[in-house]
Amino acid sequence: MSEQPLTIYFDLSSDDRPTVGAVGAAMVQFEKMAGEAVFLMEPGVEFTLVYQYSAPGSLRIIAGLRGLVTSERLKELAIVVVTLLISNGFSEIQSRATDEALKAIIGEETSLTDKDIQRIAEAVKRIEKSDTVAGPRREFYRAVEPDKAIAGVGATPNESSEPPAIIIPRSEFNDRAGVIIEKPTEDGQEQRTLSERIKVVLVQPPLIESRRMWRFFWNGKEEGAKMLDEDFKTKLLKGETSLKLAGGVVLDVTLETTQEKRDGLWHNKSFSITEVHGWDQNVEQADMLLSNESNDDYQSDQNNQ
């Protein structure tokens, strides 16, 4: 039976130590996410989680994959699990930087070909929208965010003592967790706002100064959303950006989703773009996002939070 380790790495503040509660809660969610991901790809592979040791300025937790498959297959599964943890959702893994990010995760000494790496990226895309994968990933970052001693999170598909090439800084924890702000409405209806950083395809911007909705495509659906980033909107209308309003415009945004609870379930009410972080004129990437068939995963994600 083959075995393959992988490492979860916590970068720590020099002034404090992490709480057992935060790390423990995060690892429970990681175990759920990784276990489900492995099951979706190779139901016969066993996933185990073991605390090994910590080093100055960091905490390293070693997990293991074991199964009656080749060592090469276990290695690929470890890379998928690590990528799922540090990626920022469905749209990020489709960017042109995917191959570069995967190569950084894997390391320079690898026998994987570019074709192998592309196959791994496709595997991540297939499963990362699953509620049983995306939900625990969000909860992982919600668990570590309150603990100020945790300065960053990373992972490697091995048990190297070196820090990972990619470490998610604390400043990004909220984006990856999906910040939830709950408040009652005037009629007593429960309402909440979820905030997440994702990539969307620009479908139709109003090219006049108005309060009209902008049209975007994300998570398999076309929706209208308020554009609240006034600086971006003003520069776009004045032609002061390099963005060309042509096919294939992908925006990197912070999206706020307002939901109301009805009959015990959360339902989407409205959407707002609060900040545009950047954009890409990438027809191929836009086509990949647009080709993602509409499904119930997104609503299920929201209803189960």
Protein backbone atom coordinates (compact mmCIF):
# COMPACT_ATOMS: atom_id res chain seq x y z
CA MET A 1 0.00 0.00 0.00
CA SER A 2 1.43 3.39 -1.04
CA GLU A 3 1.61 6.39 1.30
CA GLN A 4 1.92 10.13 0.60
CA PRO A 5 2.33 12.92 3.19
CA LEU A 6 1.24 16.54 2.89
CA THR A 7 1.84 19.46 5.23
CA ILE A 8 -0.42 22.23 6.56
CA TYR A 9 1.73 25.19 7.56
CA PHE A 10 0.76 28.00 9.94
CA ASP A 11 2.98 31.08 9.86
CA LEU A 12 2.95 32.57 13.34
CA SER A 13 3.34 36.05 14.77
CA SER A 14 6.50 36.44 16.84
CA ASP A 15 4.48 38.04 19.65
CA ASP A 16 1.98 35.29 20.39
CA ARG A 17 1.05 31.63 20.12
CA PRO A 18 -2.05 30.25 18.42
CA THR A 19 -4.89 28.82 20.46
CA VAL A 20 -5.67 25.14 20.39
CA GLY A 21 -9.29 26.04 19.65
CA ALA A 22 -8.51 27.98 16.46
CA VAL A 23 -6.02 25.47 15.06
CA GLY A 24 -8.14 22.51 16.11
CA ALA A 25 -11.32 23.92 14.55
CA ALA A 26 -9.43 24.76 11.35
CA MET A 27 -8.00 21.27 11.07
CA VAL A 28 -11.40 19.67 11.60
CA GLN A 29 -12.60 21.62 8.57
CA PHE A 30 -9.48 20.78 6.58
CA GLU A 31 -10.01 17.10 7.34
CA LYS A 32 -13.59 17.37 6.05
CA MET A 33 -12.51 19.21 2.90
CA ALA A 34 -9.59 16.91 2.12
CA GLY A 35 -11.49 13.75 2.92
CA GLU A 36 -14.35 14.72 0.62
CA ALA A 37 -11.98 15.78 -2.18
CA VAL A 38 -10.10 12.49 -1.99
CA PHE A 39 -13.36 10.53 -1.92
CA LEU A 40 -14.66 12.32 -5.02
CA MET A 41 -11.49 11.44 -6.93
CA GLU A 42 -10.41 8.09 -5.44
CA PRO A 43 -12.98 6.55 -3.05
CA GLY A 44 -10.57 3.77 -2.15
CA VAL A 45 -7.84 6.07 -0.76
CA GLU A 46 -7.62 6.51 3.01
CA PHE A 47 -7.03 10.01 4.43
CA THR A 48 -5.47 10.49 7.87
CA LEU A 49 -4.44 13.57 9.85
CA VAL A 50 -1.59 13.58 12.36
CA TYR A 51 -0.05 16.39 14.43
CA GLN A 52 3.69 16.05 14.06
CA TYR A 53 5.70 18.98 15.42
CA SER A 54 6.20 22.71 15.35
CA ALA A 55 9.29 24.78 14.65
CA PRO A 56 10.13 28.33 15.80
CA GLY A 57 7.73 30.78 14.17
CA SER A 58 5.53 28.12 12.64
CA LEU A 59 3.25 25.17 13.24
CA ARG A 60 3.37 22.23 10.85
CA ILE A 61 0.70 19.54 10.75
CA ILE A 62 1.33 16.43 8.68
CA ALA A 63 -1.53 14.65 6.96
CA GLY A 64 -1.29 11.42 5.02
CA LEU A 65 -2.88 9.65 2.09
CA ARG A 66 -2.80 5.87 1.89
CA GLY A 67 -4.33 3.55 -0.66
CA LEU A 68 -3.97 0.75 -3.16
CA VAL A 69 -3.02 3.11 -5.99
CA THR A 70 0.33 4.16 -7.42
CA SER A 71 2.57 6.56 -5.56
CA GLU A 72 2.27 8.92 -8.54
CA ARG A 73 -1.52 9.00 -8.13
CA LEU A 74 -1.23 9.70 -4.40
CA LYS A 75 1.16 12.56 -5.18
CA GLU A 76 -1.40 14.07 -7.58
CA LEU A 77 -4.14 13.75 -4.94
CA ALA A 78 -1.93 15.55 -2.42
CA ILE A 79 -1.35 18.38 -4.90
CA VAL A 80 -5.11 18.66 -5.50
CA VAL A 81 -5.84 18.86 -1.75
CA VAL A 82 -3.15 21.49 -1.19
CA THR A 83 -4.35 23.56 -4.15
CA LEU A 84 -7.95 23.41 -2.94
CA LEU A 85 -6.90 24.88 0.41
CA ILE A 86 -4.88 27.80 -0.92
CA SER A 87 -6.87 28.62 -4.05
CA ASN A 88 -9.54 31.30 -3.79
CA GLY A 89 -12.46 29.57 -5.33
CA PHE A 90 -13.65 28.46 -8.75
CA SER A 91 -12.58 31.49 -10.78
CA GLU A 92 -9.04 31.77 -9.44
CA ILE A 93 -7.95 28.31 -10.54
CA GLN A 94 -8.98 29.19 -14.11
CA SER A 95 -6.63 32.16 -14.40
CA ARG A 96 -3.58 32.18 -16.62
CA ALA A 97 -1.43 31.96 -13.49
CA THR A 98 -2.78 28.50 -12.60
CA ASP A 99 0.14 26.60 -14.09
CA GLU A 100 2.65 28.90 -12.41
CA ALA A 101 0.90 28.55 -9.05
CA LEU A 102 0.80 24.78 -9.32
CA LYS A 103 4.48 24.66 -10.24
CA ALA A 104 5.24 26.77 -7.16
CA ILE A 105 3.21 24.39 -5.00
CA ILE A 106 4.86 21.30 -6.45
CA GLY A 107 8.41 22.67 -6.37
CA GLU A 108 11.19 22.71 -8.92
CA GLU A 109 12.19 19.07 -8.50
CA THR A 110 9.27 17.32 -10.15
CA SER A 111 8.80 14.72 -12.82
CA LEU A 112 5.35 16.07 -13.72
CA THR A 113 4.95 17.37 -17.25
CA ASP A 114 2.95 20.43 -18.30
CA LYS A 115 0.23 18.03 -19.41
CA ASP A 116 0.19 16.44 -15.95
CA ILE A 117 -0.12 19.87 -14.32
CA GLN A 118 -2.98 20.83 -16.59
CA ARG A 119 -4.75 17.56 -15.70
CA ILE A 120 -4.40 18.37 -12.00
CA ALA A 121 -5.79 21.88 -12.56
CA GLU A 122 -8.80 20.40 -14.35
CA ALA A 123 -9.36 18.02 -11.42
CA VAL A 124 -9.41 20.96 -9.00
CA LYS A 125 -11.93 22.80 -11.17
CA ARG A 126 -14.20 19.74 -11.25
CA ILE A 127 -14.56 19.37 -7.50
CA GLU A 128 -13.86 22.69 -5.79
CA LYS A 129 -17.41 24.02 -6.25
CA SER A 130 -18.88 21.01 -4.47
CA ASP A 131 -20.59 22.16 -1.28
CA THR A 132 -18.81 19.43 0.67
CA VAL A 133 -15.46 20.89 -0.43
CA ALA A 134 -16.16 24.65 -0.62
CA GLY A 135 -18.05 24.77 2.67
CA PRO A 136 -15.28 23.33 4.89
CA ARG A 137 -12.69 25.49 3.07
CA ARG A 138 -14.59 28.64 4.03
CA GLU A 139 -14.96 27.37 7.60
CA PHE A 140 -11.21 26.70 7.77
CA TYR A 141 -10.47 30.39 7.19
CA ARG A 142 -13.28 31.50 9.49
CA ALA A 143 -11.69 29.39 12.23
CA VAL A 144 -8.20 30.92 11.92
CA GLU A 145 -9.22 34.54 11.26
CA PRO A 146 -9.98 35.49 14.92
CA ASP A 147 -6.60 34.21 16.15
CA LYS A 148 -4.16 37.10 15.71
CA ALA A 149 -1.19 34.80 16.31
CA ILE A 150 -1.77 33.14 12.94
CA ALA A 151 -0.11 35.41 10.37
CA GLY A 152 -0.52 33.15 7.35
CA VAL A 153 -1.47 29.70 6.08
CA GLY A 154 0.23 27.51 3.50
CA ALA A 155 0.46 23.88 2.43
CA THR A 156 2.80 21.56 0.56
CA PRO A 157 2.22 18.12 -1.05
CA ASN A 158 5.07 16.62 1.02
CA GLU A 159 6.60 16.84 4.50
CA SER A 160 9.36 19.32 3.70
CA SER A 161 10.62 21.36 6.63
CA GLU A 162 10.90 24.42 4.38
CA PRO A 163 8.05 26.99 4.36
CA PRO A 164 5.63 26.69 1.42
CA ALA A 165 6.29 28.79 -1.68
CA ILE A 166 2.79 30.29 -1.38
CA ILE A 167 1.54 31.51 2.00
CA ILE A 168 -1.92 33.07 2.29
CA PRO A 169 -1.52 36.20 4.48
CA ARG A 170 -3.94 37.08 7.27
CA SER A 171 -5.19 40.04 5.21
CA GLU A 172 -6.87 37.55 2.83
CA PHE A 173 -8.56 35.33 5.43
CA ASN A 174 -11.84 37.26 5.36
CA ASP A 175 -12.03 37.15 1.56
CA ARG A 176 -11.60 33.40 1.61
CA ALA A 177 -13.95 32.87 4.54
CA GLY A 178 -16.80 34.93 3.12
CA VAL A 179 -17.52 37.59 5.73
CA ILE A 180 -21.08 37.41 7.06
CA ILE A 181 -22.81 40.47 8.50
CA GLU A 182 -26.27 39.75 9.89
CA LYS A 183 -28.91 42.37 10.69
CA PRO A 184 -32.70 42.51 11.03
CA THR A 185 -34.74 44.47 8.49
CA GLU A 186 -37.44 46.97 9.40
CA ASP A 187 -40.15 44.34 9.05
CA GLY A 188 -38.25 41.95 11.33
CA GLN A 189 -37.10 39.73 8.47
CA GLU A 190 -33.66 38.25 9.09
CA GLN A 191 -31.06 39.50 6.61
CA ARG A 192 -27.33 39.03 6.12
CA THR A 193 -24.58 40.09 3.74
CA LEU A 194 -21.85 37.76 2.50
CA SER A 195 -18.65 39.19 1.08
CA GLU A 196 -16.29 37.23 -1.16
CA ARG A 197 -13.54 37.98 -3.64
CA ILE A 198 -14.15 36.29 -6.98
CA LYS A 199 -13.71 36.79 -10.71
CA VAL A 200 -16.73 37.67 -12.86
CA VAL A 201 -17.29 38.13 -16.57
CA LEU A 202 -18.48 41.62 -17.50
CA VAL A 203 -21.61 41.21 -19.63
CA GLN A 204 -23.10 44.70 -19.83
CA PRO A 205 -22.00 47.94 -18.17
CA PRO A 206 -24.28 51.04 -18.43
CA LEU A 207 -22.09 53.50 -20.34
CA ILE A 208 -23.77 56.53 -18.80
CA GLU A 209 -23.74 57.91 -15.28
CA SER A 210 -26.72 56.17 -13.69
CA ARG A 211 -27.83 53.83 -10.94
CA ARG A 212 -28.67 51.07 -13.38
CA MET A 213 -27.52 47.56 -12.63
CA TRP A 214 -24.39 46.20 -14.27
CA ARG A 215 -24.69 42.69 -15.69
CA PHE A 216 -22.13 40.03 -14.77
CA PHE A 217 -21.73 36.28 -15.09
CA TRP A 218 -20.41 34.13 -12.25
CA ASN A 219 -21.08 30.71 -10.71
CA GLY A 220 -22.95 29.56 -13.78
CA LYS A 221 -25.46 32.43 -13.80
CA GLU A 222 -25.88 35.92 -15.21
CA GLU A 223 -26.97 38.44 -12.57
CA GLY A 224 -27.41 42.16 -12.12
CA ALA A 225 -25.31 43.91 -9.48
CA LYS A 226 -24.84 47.45 -8.24
CA MET A 227 -21.42 48.91 -9.01
CA LEU A 228 -20.36 50.62 -5.77
CA ASP A 229 -16.71 51.17 -6.70
CA GLU A 230 -17.16 54.80 -7.72
CA ASP A 231 -13.49 55.31 -8.59
CA PHE A 232 -13.48 52.42 -11.06
CA LYS A 233 -16.83 53.43 -12.53
CA THR A 234 -15.76 57.05 -13.03
CA LYS A 235 -12.44 56.15 -14.66
CA LEU A 236 -14.14 53.63 -16.95
CA LEU A 237 -16.78 56.13 -18.11
CA LYS A 238 -14.10 58.76 -18.72
CA GLY A 239 -11.89 56.32 -20.63
CA GLU A 240 -9.10 56.69 -18.08
CA THR A 241 -8.35 52.97 -17.81
CA SER A 242 -6.64 50.50 -20.13
CA LEU A 243 -9.76 48.34 -20.09
CA LYS A 244 -11.28 47.83 -23.53
CA LEU A 245 -15.01 47.13 -23.55
CA ALA A 246 -14.84 44.10 -25.78
CA GLY A 247 -15.53 40.40 -25.37
CA GLY A 248 -13.61 38.54 -22.70
CA VAL A 249 -13.45 41.11 -19.87
CA VAL A 250 -12.87 39.35 -16.55
CA LEU A 251 -13.00 41.48 -13.40
CA ASP A 252 -11.40 40.59 -10.07
CA VAL A 253 -13.95 41.96 -7.57
CA THR A 254 -15.28 41.90 -4.04
CA LEU A 255 -18.89 40.78 -4.36
CA GLU A 256 -21.44 41.34 -1.61
CA THR A 257 -24.55 39.16 -1.62
CA THR A 258 -27.51 40.29 0.48
CA GLN A 259 -29.74 37.45 1.61
CA GLU A 260 -33.05 37.14 3.46
CA LYS A 261 -34.20 34.16 5.48
CA ARG A 262 -37.57 32.76 4.44
CA ASP A 263 -39.03 29.52 5.75
CA GLY A 264 -35.76 28.74 7.48
CA LEU A 265 -33.61 29.07 4.34
CA TRP A 266 -31.39 31.90 3.09
CA HIS A 267 -32.36 33.32 -0.32
CA ASN A 268 -30.33 35.75 -2.44
CA LYS A 269 -31.94 39.19 -2.57
CA SER A 270 -29.40 41.47 -4.27
CA PHE A 271 -25.76 41.77 -5.33
CA SER A 272 -23.22 44.60 -5.14
CA ILE A 273 -19.65 45.04 -6.38
CA THR A 274 -17.92 46.98 -3.60
CA GLU A 275 -14.41 47.01 -5.09
CA VAL A 276 -12.74 46.18 -8.40
CA HIS A 277 -9.23 44.91 -7.70
CA GLY A 278 -8.18 44.42 -11.33
CA TRP A 279 -9.19 43.05 -14.70
CA ASP A 280 -8.01 40.91 -17.56
CA GLN A 281 -8.79 40.98 -21.28
CA ASN A 282 -8.85 37.20 -21.56
CA VAL A 283 -11.37 35.70 -23.97
CA GLU A 284 -10.30 32.14 -23.20
CA GLN A 285 -10.71 32.58 -19.45
CA ALA A 286 -14.09 34.29 -19.92
CA ASP A 287 -15.25 31.44 -22.14
CA MET A 288 -14.25 28.94 -19.44
CA LEU A 289 -16.27 30.83 -16.84
CA LEU A 290 -19.24 31.17 -19.19
CA SER A 291 -19.15 27.47 -20.08
CA ASN A 292 -19.66 26.49 -16.45
CA GLU A 293 -23.18 25.09 -16.47
CA SER A 294 -25.66 26.54 -14.04
CA ASN A 295 -26.25 24.30 -11.04
CA ASP A 296 -27.57 24.40 -7.51
CA ASP A 297 -24.15 24.37 -5.79
CA TYR A 298 -24.02 28.10 -5.19
CA GLN A 299 -27.47 28.34 -3.64
CA SER A 300 -26.75 25.21 -1.62
CA ASP A 301 -23.54 26.80 -0.33
CA GLN A 302 -25.48 29.83 0.89
CA ASN A 303 -28.39 27.89 2.35
CA ASN A 304 -26.11 25.65 4.38
CA GLN A 305 -24.03 28.38 6.00
